[in-house]
Amino acid sequence: MIYHVSLSLTALVVGLLHGLGGILALLFPDRIQRFVQRFPRDRALGRILLGGVTVWAAILCATTDLGEYSAFRSGLVSGCLILGTLSIWLLDDFPSVRGLSMLFLLAANVLLDAAFLSDRPGKIALVLLAYLWVAAGILFVSLPHLFRDRVCEPLGLPGPLRAAAWAALAVGAGFVAFGLGLG
């Protein structure tokens, strides 16, 4: 285990984030639609996301037990920082989608670590969400135009945005209930 977080706390945080996204989409649909339409090519947000995942990956390389590769730790940390800096500097095509995809990949490990060795049956929902994040992260980091075409364009319309907001609220409520011990 890399992260030592409880399953309840993780489910609660994930549920609150989903609920917050749903509430914001219901309260401010016009702003959310404009944000979603600008998101794939937003360089400033992309640099922030890429910077965050670069630091996160470098910290993981510096603190994780690497076993027989521990001798290469300093090279891995340096490589992480160099490649992350180069991606922030040179990546102009869909930087925010790629940054979000990498964030999904790193965050999925937190969910899986929280669910590890838990005997609560509701953990399956958290594990399923983690694997959905992994699949989305792998797909959208390599094909970011699909994110624009399959996620951002439909959410730019009022009907799909409203449906996604209600779905996010329902998922968020389920995870909050599970985090509070009700599931």
N, C-alpha and C. Protein backbone atom coordinates (compact mmCIF):
# COMPACT_ATOMS: atom_id res chain seq x y z
N MET A 1 0.84 -1.19 0.00
CA MET A 1 0.00 0.00 0.00
C MET A 1 0.88 1.24 0.00
N ILE A 2 0.53 2.18 -0.84
CA ILE A 2 1.26 3.43 -0.92
C ILE A 2 0.57 4.49 -0.06
N TYR A 3 -0.72 4.56 -0.17
CA TYR A 3 -1.51 5.55 0.56
C TYR A 3 -2.19 4.85 1.73
N HIS A 4 -2.24 5.51 2.83
CA HIS A 4 -2.89 4.94 4.01
C HIS A 4 -4.12 5.80 4.35
N VAL A 5 -5.16 5.62 3.57
CA VAL A 5 -6.41 6.34 3.78
C VAL A 5 -7.51 5.33 4.00
N SER A 6 -8.50 5.73 4.77
CA SER A 6 -9.59 4.81 5.07
C SER A 6 -10.58 4.77 3.90
N LEU A 7 -11.26 3.66 3.80
CA LEU A 7 -12.26 3.48 2.76
C LEU A 7 -13.40 4.47 2.94
N SER A 8 -13.82 4.68 4.17
CA SER A 8 -14.93 5.60 4.44
C SER A 8 -14.58 7.03 4.05
N LEU A 9 -13.39 7.47 4.42
CA LEU A 9 -12.97 8.83 4.08
C LEU A 9 -12.85 9.01 2.57
N THR A 10 -12.29 8.02 1.90
CA THR A 10 -12.15 8.10 0.44
C THR A 10 -13.52 8.16 -0.23
N ALA A 11 -14.45 7.31 0.19
CA ALA A 11 -15.80 7.32 -0.39
C ALA A 11 -16.49 8.64 -0.10
N LEU A 12 -16.29 9.19 1.08
CA LEU A 12 -16.90 10.47 1.44
C LEU A 12 -16.36 11.59 0.56
N VAL A 13 -15.06 11.65 0.36
CA VAL A 13 -14.46 12.70 -0.47
C VAL A 13 -14.90 12.56 -1.93
N VAL A 14 -14.88 11.34 -2.45
CA VAL A 14 -15.32 11.11 -3.83
C VAL A 14 -16.79 11.49 -3.98
N GLY A 15 -17.61 11.13 -3.02
CA GLY A 15 -19.03 11.47 -3.08
C GLY A 15 -19.27 12.97 -3.01
N LEU A 16 -18.53 13.66 -2.15
CA LEU A 16 -18.69 15.12 -2.05
C LEU A 16 -18.23 15.81 -3.34
N LEU A 17 -17.16 15.32 -3.95
CA LEU A 17 -16.70 15.92 -5.21
C LEU A 17 -17.71 15.70 -6.34
N HIS A 18 -18.27 14.49 -6.41
CA HIS A 18 -19.31 14.23 -7.42
C HIS A 18 -20.53 15.11 -7.16
N GLY A 19 -20.94 15.19 -5.90
CA GLY A 19 -22.09 16.02 -5.56
C GLY A 19 -21.86 17.49 -5.86
N LEU A 20 -20.66 17.98 -5.57
CA LEU A 20 -20.33 19.38 -5.87
C LEU A 20 -20.38 19.64 -7.37
N GLY A 21 -19.85 18.72 -8.15
CA GLY A 21 -19.92 18.87 -9.61
C GLY A 21 -21.35 18.90 -10.10
N GLY A 22 -22.18 18.02 -9.57
CA GLY A 22 -23.58 18.01 -9.97
C GLY A 22 -24.32 19.27 -9.58
N ILE A 23 -24.08 19.75 -8.38
CA ILE A 23 -24.74 20.97 -7.91
C ILE A 23 -24.32 22.18 -8.76
N LEU A 24 -23.00 22.29 -9.03
CA LEU A 24 -22.53 23.40 -9.84
C LEU A 24 -23.13 23.37 -11.25
N ALA A 25 -23.25 22.17 -11.81
CA ALA A 25 -23.82 22.05 -13.16
C ALA A 25 -25.31 22.40 -13.16
N LEU A 26 -26.01 22.11 -12.08
CA LEU A 26 -27.43 22.46 -12.01
C LEU A 26 -27.66 23.95 -11.72
N LEU A 27 -26.80 24.54 -10.88
CA LEU A 27 -26.96 25.94 -10.52
C LEU A 27 -26.45 26.91 -11.58
N PHE A 28 -25.36 26.56 -12.24
CA PHE A 28 -24.73 27.45 -13.22
C PHE A 28 -24.52 26.74 -14.56
N PRO A 29 -25.60 26.33 -15.23
CA PRO A 29 -25.42 25.54 -16.45
C PRO A 29 -24.70 26.29 -17.57
N ASP A 30 -24.95 27.59 -17.71
CA ASP A 30 -24.31 28.34 -18.78
C ASP A 30 -22.80 28.43 -18.58
N ARG A 31 -22.38 28.72 -17.36
CA ARG A 31 -20.94 28.81 -17.07
C ARG A 31 -20.27 27.45 -17.24
N ILE A 32 -20.92 26.40 -16.78
CA ILE A 32 -20.34 25.06 -16.91
C ILE A 32 -20.25 24.67 -18.38
N GLN A 33 -21.25 25.00 -19.17
CA GLN A 33 -21.20 24.68 -20.60
C GLN A 33 -20.04 25.41 -21.28
N ARG A 34 -19.85 26.69 -20.95
CA ARG A 34 -18.73 27.43 -21.54
C ARG A 34 -17.39 26.84 -21.09
N PHE A 35 -17.31 26.47 -19.81
CA PHE A 35 -16.07 25.87 -19.29
C PHE A 35 -15.77 24.54 -19.99
N VAL A 36 -16.80 23.71 -20.14
CA VAL A 36 -16.61 22.39 -20.76
C VAL A 36 -16.20 22.54 -22.22
N GLN A 37 -16.74 23.53 -22.90
CA GLN A 37 -16.38 23.73 -24.31
C GLN A 37 -14.96 24.24 -24.47
N ARG A 38 -14.48 25.05 -23.52
CA ARG A 38 -13.11 25.57 -23.57
C ARG A 38 -12.08 24.62 -22.98
N PHE A 39 -12.52 23.67 -22.17
CA PHE A 39 -11.61 22.83 -21.39
C PHE A 39 -10.56 22.09 -22.20
N PRO A 40 -10.88 21.41 -23.31
CA PRO A 40 -9.86 20.59 -23.97
C PRO A 40 -8.61 21.35 -24.40
N ARG A 41 -8.75 22.60 -24.79
CA ARG A 41 -7.60 23.35 -25.29
C ARG A 41 -7.15 24.45 -24.33
N ASP A 42 -7.58 24.42 -23.10
CA ASP A 42 -7.20 25.42 -22.11
C ASP A 42 -5.76 25.18 -21.67
N ARG A 43 -4.84 26.01 -22.16
CA ARG A 43 -3.41 25.81 -21.87
C ARG A 43 -3.06 26.12 -20.42
N ALA A 44 -3.66 27.15 -19.86
CA ALA A 44 -3.33 27.51 -18.47
C ALA A 44 -3.76 26.40 -17.52
N LEU A 45 -4.98 25.93 -17.66
CA LEU A 45 -5.45 24.84 -16.80
C LEU A 45 -4.66 23.56 -17.08
N GLY A 46 -4.32 23.34 -18.34
CA GLY A 46 -3.51 22.17 -18.69
C GLY A 46 -2.15 22.20 -18.03
N ARG A 47 -1.53 23.36 -17.99
CA ARG A 47 -0.22 23.48 -17.33
C ARG A 47 -0.34 23.24 -15.83
N ILE A 48 -1.42 23.72 -15.24
CA ILE A 48 -1.62 23.49 -13.80
C ILE A 48 -1.80 22.00 -13.54
N LEU A 49 -2.65 21.34 -14.33
CA LEU A 49 -2.89 19.90 -14.15
C LEU A 49 -1.61 19.10 -14.41
N LEU A 50 -0.90 19.42 -15.49
CA LEU A 50 0.34 18.71 -15.78
C LEU A 50 1.39 18.95 -14.70
N GLY A 51 1.45 20.16 -14.17
CA GLY A 51 2.38 20.44 -13.07
C GLY A 51 2.03 19.64 -11.82
N GLY A 52 0.74 19.56 -11.53
CA GLY A 52 0.31 18.79 -10.36
C GLY A 52 0.63 17.31 -10.48
N VAL A 53 0.37 16.74 -11.66
CA VAL A 53 0.66 15.31 -11.81
C VAL A 53 2.16 15.05 -11.88
N THR A 54 2.92 16.02 -12.37
CA THR A 54 4.38 15.87 -12.38
C THR A 54 4.92 15.81 -10.96
N VAL A 55 4.47 16.72 -10.12
CA VAL A 55 4.92 16.72 -8.72
C VAL A 55 4.45 15.45 -8.02
N TRP A 56 3.21 15.04 -8.24
CA TRP A 56 2.67 13.82 -7.62
C TRP A 56 3.49 12.61 -8.04
N ALA A 57 3.78 12.48 -9.32
CA ALA A 57 4.55 11.33 -9.80
C ALA A 57 5.97 11.36 -9.26
N ALA A 58 6.57 12.54 -9.16
CA ALA A 58 7.92 12.64 -8.61
C ALA A 58 7.94 12.27 -7.13
N ILE A 59 6.92 12.68 -6.40
CA ILE A 59 6.84 12.31 -4.98
C ILE A 59 6.67 10.81 -4.84
N LEU A 60 5.84 10.21 -5.70
CA LEU A 60 5.67 8.75 -5.66
C LEU A 60 7.00 8.04 -5.94
N CYS A 61 7.73 8.52 -6.94
CA CYS A 61 9.03 7.90 -7.25
C CYS A 61 10.01 8.07 -6.09
N ALA A 62 9.92 9.17 -5.38
CA ALA A 62 10.84 9.43 -4.29
C ALA A 62 10.50 8.66 -3.02
N THR A 63 9.24 8.31 -2.82
CA THR A 63 8.83 7.73 -1.54
C THR A 63 8.38 6.28 -1.61
N THR A 64 8.07 5.77 -2.78
CA THR A 64 7.57 4.41 -2.92
C THR A 64 8.72 3.41 -2.84
N ASP A 65 8.46 2.25 -2.24
CA ASP A 65 9.45 1.19 -2.20
C ASP A 65 9.59 0.62 -3.62
N LEU A 66 10.76 0.77 -4.19
CA LEU A 66 10.99 0.34 -5.56
C LEU A 66 11.66 -1.02 -5.65
N GLY A 67 11.92 -1.63 -4.50
CA GLY A 67 12.53 -2.97 -4.49
C GLY A 67 13.90 -2.96 -5.13
N GLU A 68 14.09 -3.81 -6.12
CA GLU A 68 15.41 -3.93 -6.75
C GLU A 68 15.76 -2.73 -7.62
N TYR A 69 14.80 -1.84 -7.86
CA TYR A 69 15.07 -0.64 -8.66
C TYR A 69 15.37 0.57 -7.78
N SER A 70 15.55 0.39 -6.48
CA SER A 70 15.81 1.50 -5.58
C SER A 70 17.11 2.23 -5.92
N ALA A 71 18.04 1.54 -6.54
CA ALA A 71 19.30 2.18 -6.92
C ALA A 71 19.08 3.25 -7.99
N PHE A 72 17.97 3.16 -8.71
CA PHE A 72 17.68 4.11 -9.78
C PHE A 72 16.73 5.22 -9.34
N ARG A 73 16.48 5.32 -8.03
CA ARG A 73 15.48 6.27 -7.52
C ARG A 73 15.78 7.70 -7.96
N SER A 74 16.99 8.18 -7.79
CA SER A 74 17.29 9.58 -8.13
C SER A 74 17.11 9.81 -9.63
N GLY A 75 17.48 8.85 -10.45
CA GLY A 75 17.27 8.98 -11.90
C GLY A 75 15.80 9.00 -12.26
N LEU A 76 15.00 8.19 -11.57
CA LEU A 76 13.55 8.17 -11.84
C LEU A 76 12.89 9.48 -11.44
N VAL A 77 13.29 10.01 -10.28
CA VAL A 77 12.72 11.28 -9.84
C VAL A 77 13.13 12.40 -10.80
N SER A 78 14.41 12.42 -11.17
CA SER A 78 14.87 13.43 -12.13
C SER A 78 14.17 13.27 -13.47
N GLY A 79 14.03 12.04 -13.94
CA GLY A 79 13.34 11.80 -15.20
C GLY A 79 11.90 12.25 -15.15
N CYS A 80 11.25 11.99 -14.02
CA CYS A 80 9.86 12.43 -13.84
C CYS A 80 9.76 13.95 -13.95
N LEU A 81 10.64 14.63 -13.25
CA LEU A 81 10.61 16.09 -13.25
C LEU A 81 10.97 16.66 -14.62
N ILE A 82 11.94 16.08 -15.29
CA ILE A 82 12.35 16.56 -16.61
C ILE A 82 11.24 16.33 -17.63
N LEU A 83 10.69 15.10 -17.66
CA LEU A 83 9.62 14.81 -18.62
C LEU A 83 8.36 15.63 -18.33
N GLY A 84 8.05 15.82 -17.06
CA GLY A 84 6.90 16.64 -16.70
C GLY A 84 7.09 18.09 -17.11
N THR A 85 8.29 18.61 -16.89
CA THR A 85 8.58 19.99 -17.29
C THR A 85 8.52 20.14 -18.81
N LEU A 86 9.06 19.18 -19.52
CA LEU A 86 9.00 19.22 -20.98
C LEU A 86 7.55 19.14 -21.48
N SER A 87 6.74 18.33 -20.83
CA SER A 87 5.34 18.23 -21.26
C SER A 87 4.59 19.53 -20.98
N ILE A 88 4.90 20.19 -19.87
CA ILE A 88 4.27 21.48 -19.58
C ILE A 88 4.70 22.51 -20.61
N TRP A 89 5.95 22.48 -20.99
CA TRP A 89 6.51 23.47 -21.89
C TRP A 89 6.12 23.22 -23.35
N LEU A 90 6.15 21.97 -23.79
CA LEU A 90 6.01 21.66 -25.21
C LEU A 90 4.64 21.14 -25.64
N LEU A 91 3.84 20.65 -24.71
CA LEU A 91 2.57 20.04 -25.08
C LEU A 91 1.52 21.12 -25.33
N ASP A 92 1.18 21.30 -26.60
CA ASP A 92 0.20 22.32 -26.96
C ASP A 92 -1.14 21.73 -27.38
N ASP A 93 -1.18 20.46 -27.70
CA ASP A 93 -2.39 19.83 -28.21
C ASP A 93 -3.16 19.16 -27.07
N PHE A 94 -4.28 19.72 -26.70
CA PHE A 94 -5.15 19.20 -25.64
C PHE A 94 -4.41 19.00 -24.30
N PRO A 95 -3.74 20.01 -23.77
CA PRO A 95 -2.98 19.82 -22.53
C PRO A 95 -3.86 19.52 -21.31
N SER A 96 -5.02 20.15 -21.23
CA SER A 96 -5.86 19.93 -20.05
C SER A 96 -6.48 18.55 -20.05
N VAL A 97 -6.81 18.02 -21.23
CA VAL A 97 -7.36 16.66 -21.30
C VAL A 97 -6.30 15.66 -20.87
N ARG A 98 -5.09 15.85 -21.35
CA ARG A 98 -4.01 14.93 -20.97
C ARG A 98 -3.67 15.05 -19.49
N GLY A 99 -3.68 16.27 -18.95
CA GLY A 99 -3.43 16.44 -17.52
C GLY A 99 -4.50 15.79 -16.67
N LEU A 100 -5.77 15.96 -17.07
CA LEU A 100 -6.87 15.32 -16.35
C LEU A 100 -6.78 13.80 -16.44
N SER A 101 -6.40 13.29 -17.61
CA SER A 101 -6.26 11.84 -17.78
C SER A 101 -5.18 11.28 -16.87
N MET A 102 -4.06 11.99 -16.78
CA MET A 102 -2.99 11.54 -15.88
C MET A 102 -3.43 11.63 -14.42
N LEU A 103 -4.22 12.64 -14.10
CA LEU A 103 -4.76 12.76 -12.74
C LEU A 103 -5.67 11.59 -12.43
N PHE A 104 -6.49 11.18 -13.40
CA PHE A 104 -7.33 10.00 -13.22
C PHE A 104 -6.48 8.77 -12.92
N LEU A 105 -5.39 8.60 -13.66
CA LEU A 105 -4.54 7.42 -13.48
C LEU A 105 -3.91 7.42 -12.09
N LEU A 106 -3.44 8.56 -11.63
CA LEU A 106 -2.82 8.62 -10.30
C LEU A 106 -3.87 8.49 -9.19
N ALA A 107 -5.03 9.10 -9.37
CA ALA A 107 -6.06 9.06 -8.33
C ALA A 107 -6.69 7.68 -8.20
N ALA A 108 -6.70 6.91 -9.27
CA ALA A 108 -7.28 5.57 -9.19
C ALA A 108 -6.53 4.71 -8.18
N ASN A 109 -5.23 4.92 -8.07
CA ASN A 109 -4.45 4.15 -7.10
C ASN A 109 -4.87 4.47 -5.66
N VAL A 110 -5.26 5.71 -5.41
CA VAL A 110 -5.74 6.07 -4.06
C VAL A 110 -7.01 5.29 -3.74
N LEU A 111 -7.93 5.22 -4.71
CA LEU A 111 -9.18 4.47 -4.49
C LEU A 111 -8.91 2.99 -4.27
N LEU A 112 -8.02 2.42 -5.07
CA LEU A 112 -7.72 1.00 -4.94
C LEU A 112 -7.00 0.69 -3.63
N ASP A 113 -6.11 1.57 -3.20
CA ASP A 113 -5.45 1.37 -1.91
C ASP A 113 -6.44 1.45 -0.75
N ALA A 114 -7.41 2.36 -0.85
CA ALA A 114 -8.40 2.48 0.22
C ALA A 114 -9.28 1.23 0.30
N ALA A 115 -9.56 0.62 -0.84
CA ALA A 115 -10.43 -0.56 -0.86
C ALA A 115 -9.68 -1.86 -0.57
N PHE A 116 -8.36 -1.80 -0.57
CA PHE A 116 -7.55 -3.01 -0.39
C PHE A 116 -7.82 -3.64 0.98
N LEU A 117 -8.09 -4.92 1.00
CA LEU A 117 -8.33 -5.73 2.20
C LEU A 117 -9.55 -5.31 3.01
N SER A 118 -10.44 -4.54 2.41
CA SER A 118 -11.68 -4.19 3.11
C SER A 118 -12.71 -5.29 2.85
N ASP A 119 -13.50 -5.59 3.87
CA ASP A 119 -14.51 -6.63 3.70
C ASP A 119 -15.91 -6.05 3.48
N ARG A 120 -16.02 -4.73 3.33
CA ARG A 120 -17.33 -4.10 3.10
C ARG A 120 -17.74 -4.31 1.66
N PRO A 121 -18.94 -4.82 1.42
CA PRO A 121 -19.35 -5.11 0.04
C PRO A 121 -19.48 -3.87 -0.84
N GLY A 122 -19.72 -2.72 -0.25
CA GLY A 122 -19.87 -1.50 -1.04
C GLY A 122 -18.58 -1.03 -1.68
N LYS A 123 -17.46 -1.63 -1.29
CA LYS A 123 -16.18 -1.21 -1.86
C LYS A 123 -16.11 -1.50 -3.35
N ILE A 124 -16.97 -2.40 -3.83
CA ILE A 124 -16.98 -2.75 -5.25
C ILE A 124 -17.28 -1.51 -6.10
N ALA A 125 -18.15 -0.64 -5.62
CA ALA A 125 -18.47 0.58 -6.37
C ALA A 125 -17.25 1.48 -6.49
N LEU A 126 -16.47 1.58 -5.42
CA LEU A 126 -15.26 2.40 -5.44
C LEU A 126 -14.21 1.78 -6.36
N VAL A 127 -14.08 0.48 -6.33
CA VAL A 127 -13.13 -0.22 -7.21
C VAL A 127 -13.56 -0.07 -8.66
N LEU A 128 -14.84 -0.19 -8.93
CA LEU A 128 -15.35 -0.01 -10.29
C LEU A 128 -15.05 1.40 -10.79
N LEU A 129 -15.27 2.39 -9.94
CA LEU A 129 -14.96 3.77 -10.32
C LEU A 129 -13.47 3.93 -10.62
N ALA A 130 -12.62 3.30 -9.80
CA ALA A 130 -11.17 3.38 -10.03
C ALA A 130 -10.81 2.80 -11.39
N TYR A 131 -11.39 1.66 -11.74
CA TYR A 131 -11.07 1.05 -13.03
C TYR A 131 -11.67 1.84 -14.19
N LEU A 132 -12.79 2.50 -13.98
CA LEU A 132 -13.31 3.40 -15.01
C LEU A 132 -12.37 4.58 -15.22
N TRP A 133 -11.81 5.11 -14.12
CA TRP A 133 -10.83 6.18 -14.23
C TRP A 133 -9.58 5.72 -14.97
N VAL A 134 -9.15 4.48 -14.69
CA VAL A 134 -7.96 3.96 -15.39
C VAL A 134 -8.25 3.83 -16.89
N ALA A 135 -9.39 3.26 -17.23
CA ALA A 135 -9.74 3.11 -18.65
C ALA A 135 -9.85 4.47 -19.33
N ALA A 136 -10.52 5.42 -18.68
CA ALA A 136 -10.65 6.76 -19.26
C ALA A 136 -9.29 7.45 -19.35
N GLY A 137 -8.47 7.28 -18.33
CA GLY A 137 -7.15 7.91 -18.35
C GLY A 137 -6.28 7.39 -19.48
N ILE A 138 -6.27 6.09 -19.66
CA ILE A 138 -5.47 5.50 -20.75
C ILE A 138 -6.02 5.94 -22.10
N LEU A 139 -7.33 5.91 -22.27
CA LEU A 139 -7.93 6.26 -23.55
C LEU A 139 -7.71 7.73 -23.88
N PHE A 140 -7.97 8.62 -22.93
CA PHE A 140 -7.95 10.05 -23.24
C PHE A 140 -6.55 10.65 -23.22
N VAL A 141 -5.60 10.01 -22.57
CA VAL A 141 -4.23 10.55 -22.65
C VAL A 141 -3.64 10.26 -24.02
N SER A 142 -4.07 9.17 -24.62
CA SER A 142 -3.54 8.83 -25.94
C SER A 142 -4.41 9.37 -27.08
N LEU A 143 -5.69 9.54 -26.85
CA LEU A 143 -6.62 10.05 -27.88
C LEU A 143 -7.46 11.19 -27.29
N PRO A 144 -6.84 12.34 -27.01
CA PRO A 144 -7.58 13.41 -26.32
C PRO A 144 -8.72 14.01 -27.15
N HIS A 145 -8.65 13.88 -28.47
CA HIS A 145 -9.75 14.42 -29.29
C HIS A 145 -11.06 13.67 -29.03
N LEU A 146 -10.96 12.41 -28.57
CA LEU A 146 -12.18 11.67 -28.22
C LEU A 146 -12.88 12.30 -27.02
N PHE A 147 -12.09 12.81 -26.08
CA PHE A 147 -12.67 13.49 -24.92
C PHE A 147 -13.46 14.71 -25.38
N ARG A 148 -12.87 15.47 -26.30
CA ARG A 148 -13.55 16.64 -26.84
C ARG A 148 -14.84 16.23 -27.54
N ASP A 149 -14.74 15.18 -28.37
CA ASP A 149 -15.89 14.78 -29.19
C ASP A 149 -16.97 14.05 -28.41
N ARG A 150 -16.58 13.18 -27.48
CA ARG A 150 -17.54 12.30 -26.79
C ARG A 150 -18.00 12.82 -25.42
N VAL A 151 -17.22 13.74 -24.83
CA VAL A 151 -17.59 14.24 -23.51
C VAL A 151 -17.94 15.72 -23.57
N CYS A 152 -17.04 16.53 -24.10
CA CYS A 152 -17.24 17.98 -24.05
C CYS A 152 -18.36 18.48 -24.97
N GLU A 153 -18.42 17.96 -26.18
CA GLU A 153 -19.48 18.44 -27.10
C GLU A 153 -20.88 18.09 -26.59
N PRO A 154 -21.15 16.86 -26.15
CA PRO A 154 -22.50 16.61 -25.61
C PRO A 154 -22.82 17.42 -24.36
N LEU A 155 -21.82 17.62 -23.48
CA LEU A 155 -22.08 18.38 -22.26
C LEU A 155 -22.23 19.87 -22.53
N GLY A 156 -21.94 20.29 -23.75
CA GLY A 156 -22.17 21.68 -24.12
C GLY A 156 -23.64 21.96 -24.41
N LEU A 157 -24.45 20.92 -24.43
CA LEU A 157 -25.89 21.06 -24.66
C LEU A 157 -26.64 20.96 -23.33
N PRO A 158 -27.76 21.67 -23.18
CA PRO A 158 -28.46 21.70 -21.89
C PRO A 158 -28.98 20.34 -21.42
N GLY A 159 -29.57 19.54 -22.30
CA GLY A 159 -30.16 18.25 -21.89
C GLY A 159 -29.13 17.27 -21.33
N PRO A 160 -28.08 16.97 -22.08
CA PRO A 160 -27.07 16.05 -21.55
C PRO A 160 -26.37 16.58 -20.30
N LEU A 161 -26.17 17.89 -20.23
CA LEU A 161 -25.53 18.45 -19.03
C LEU A 161 -26.41 18.25 -17.81
N ARG A 162 -27.70 18.49 -17.96
CA ARG A 162 -28.64 18.31 -16.85
C ARG A 162 -28.70 16.84 -16.41
N ALA A 163 -28.71 15.93 -17.39
CA ALA A 163 -28.73 14.49 -17.06
C ALA A 163 -27.45 14.08 -16.35
N ALA A 164 -26.31 14.60 -16.83
CA ALA A 164 -25.03 14.28 -16.19
C ALA A 164 -24.96 14.86 -14.78
N ALA A 165 -25.55 16.05 -14.59
CA ALA A 165 -25.55 16.67 -13.25
C ALA A 165 -26.37 15.83 -12.27
N TRP A 166 -27.54 15.37 -12.70
CA TRP A 166 -28.36 14.54 -11.80
C TRP A 166 -27.68 13.20 -11.53
N ALA A 167 -27.03 12.64 -12.55
CA ALA A 167 -26.30 11.38 -12.35
C ALA A 167 -25.15 11.58 -11.37
N ALA A 168 -24.43 12.70 -11.50
CA ALA A 168 -23.33 12.98 -10.56
C ALA A 168 -23.85 13.16 -9.15
N LEU A 169 -25.00 13.80 -8.99
CA LEU A 169 -25.61 13.94 -7.66
C LEU A 169 -25.99 12.59 -7.08
N ALA A 170 -26.56 11.72 -7.89
CA ALA A 170 -26.97 10.39 -7.41
C ALA A 170 -25.75 9.57 -7.01
N VAL A 171 -24.72 9.58 -7.85
CA VAL A 171 -23.49 8.83 -7.53
C VAL A 171 -22.85 9.42 -6.28
N GLY A 172 -22.81 10.74 -6.21
CA GLY A 172 -22.24 11.39 -5.03
C GLY A 172 -22.98 11.04 -3.75
N ALA A 173 -24.31 11.03 -3.82
CA ALA A 173 -25.10 10.67 -2.64
C ALA A 173 -24.83 9.23 -2.22
N GLY A 174 -24.70 8.35 -3.21
CA GLY A 174 -24.39 6.95 -2.88
C GLY A 174 -23.04 6.80 -2.19
N PHE A 175 -22.02 7.49 -2.70
CA PHE A 175 -20.69 7.40 -2.08
C PHE A 175 -20.67 8.07 -0.70
N VAL A 176 -21.39 9.17 -0.56
CA VAL A 176 -21.46 9.82 0.76
C VAL A 176 -22.15 8.89 1.77
N ALA A 177 -23.24 8.26 1.36
CA ALA A 177 -23.93 7.32 2.25
C ALA A 177 -23.01 6.16 2.61
N PHE A 178 -22.26 5.64 1.64
CA PHE A 178 -21.32 4.56 1.92
C PHE A 178 -20.21 5.04 2.86
N GLY A 179 -19.73 6.25 2.62
CA GLY A 179 -18.68 6.79 3.48
C GLY A 179 -19.12 7.02 4.90
N LEU A 180 -20.40 7.33 5.09
CA LEU A 180 -20.94 7.53 6.44
C LEU A 180 -21.35 6.24 7.10
N GLY A 181 -21.17 5.12 6.41
CA GLY A 181 -21.48 3.83 7.01
C GLY A 181 -22.90 3.37 6.79
N LEU A 182 -23.60 3.99 5.85
CA LEU A 182 -24.99 3.60 5.61
C LEU A 182 -25.13 2.53 4.53
N GLY A 183 -24.01 2.15 3.93
CA GLY A 183 -24.10 1.18 2.84
C GLY A 183 -23.07 0.10 2.94
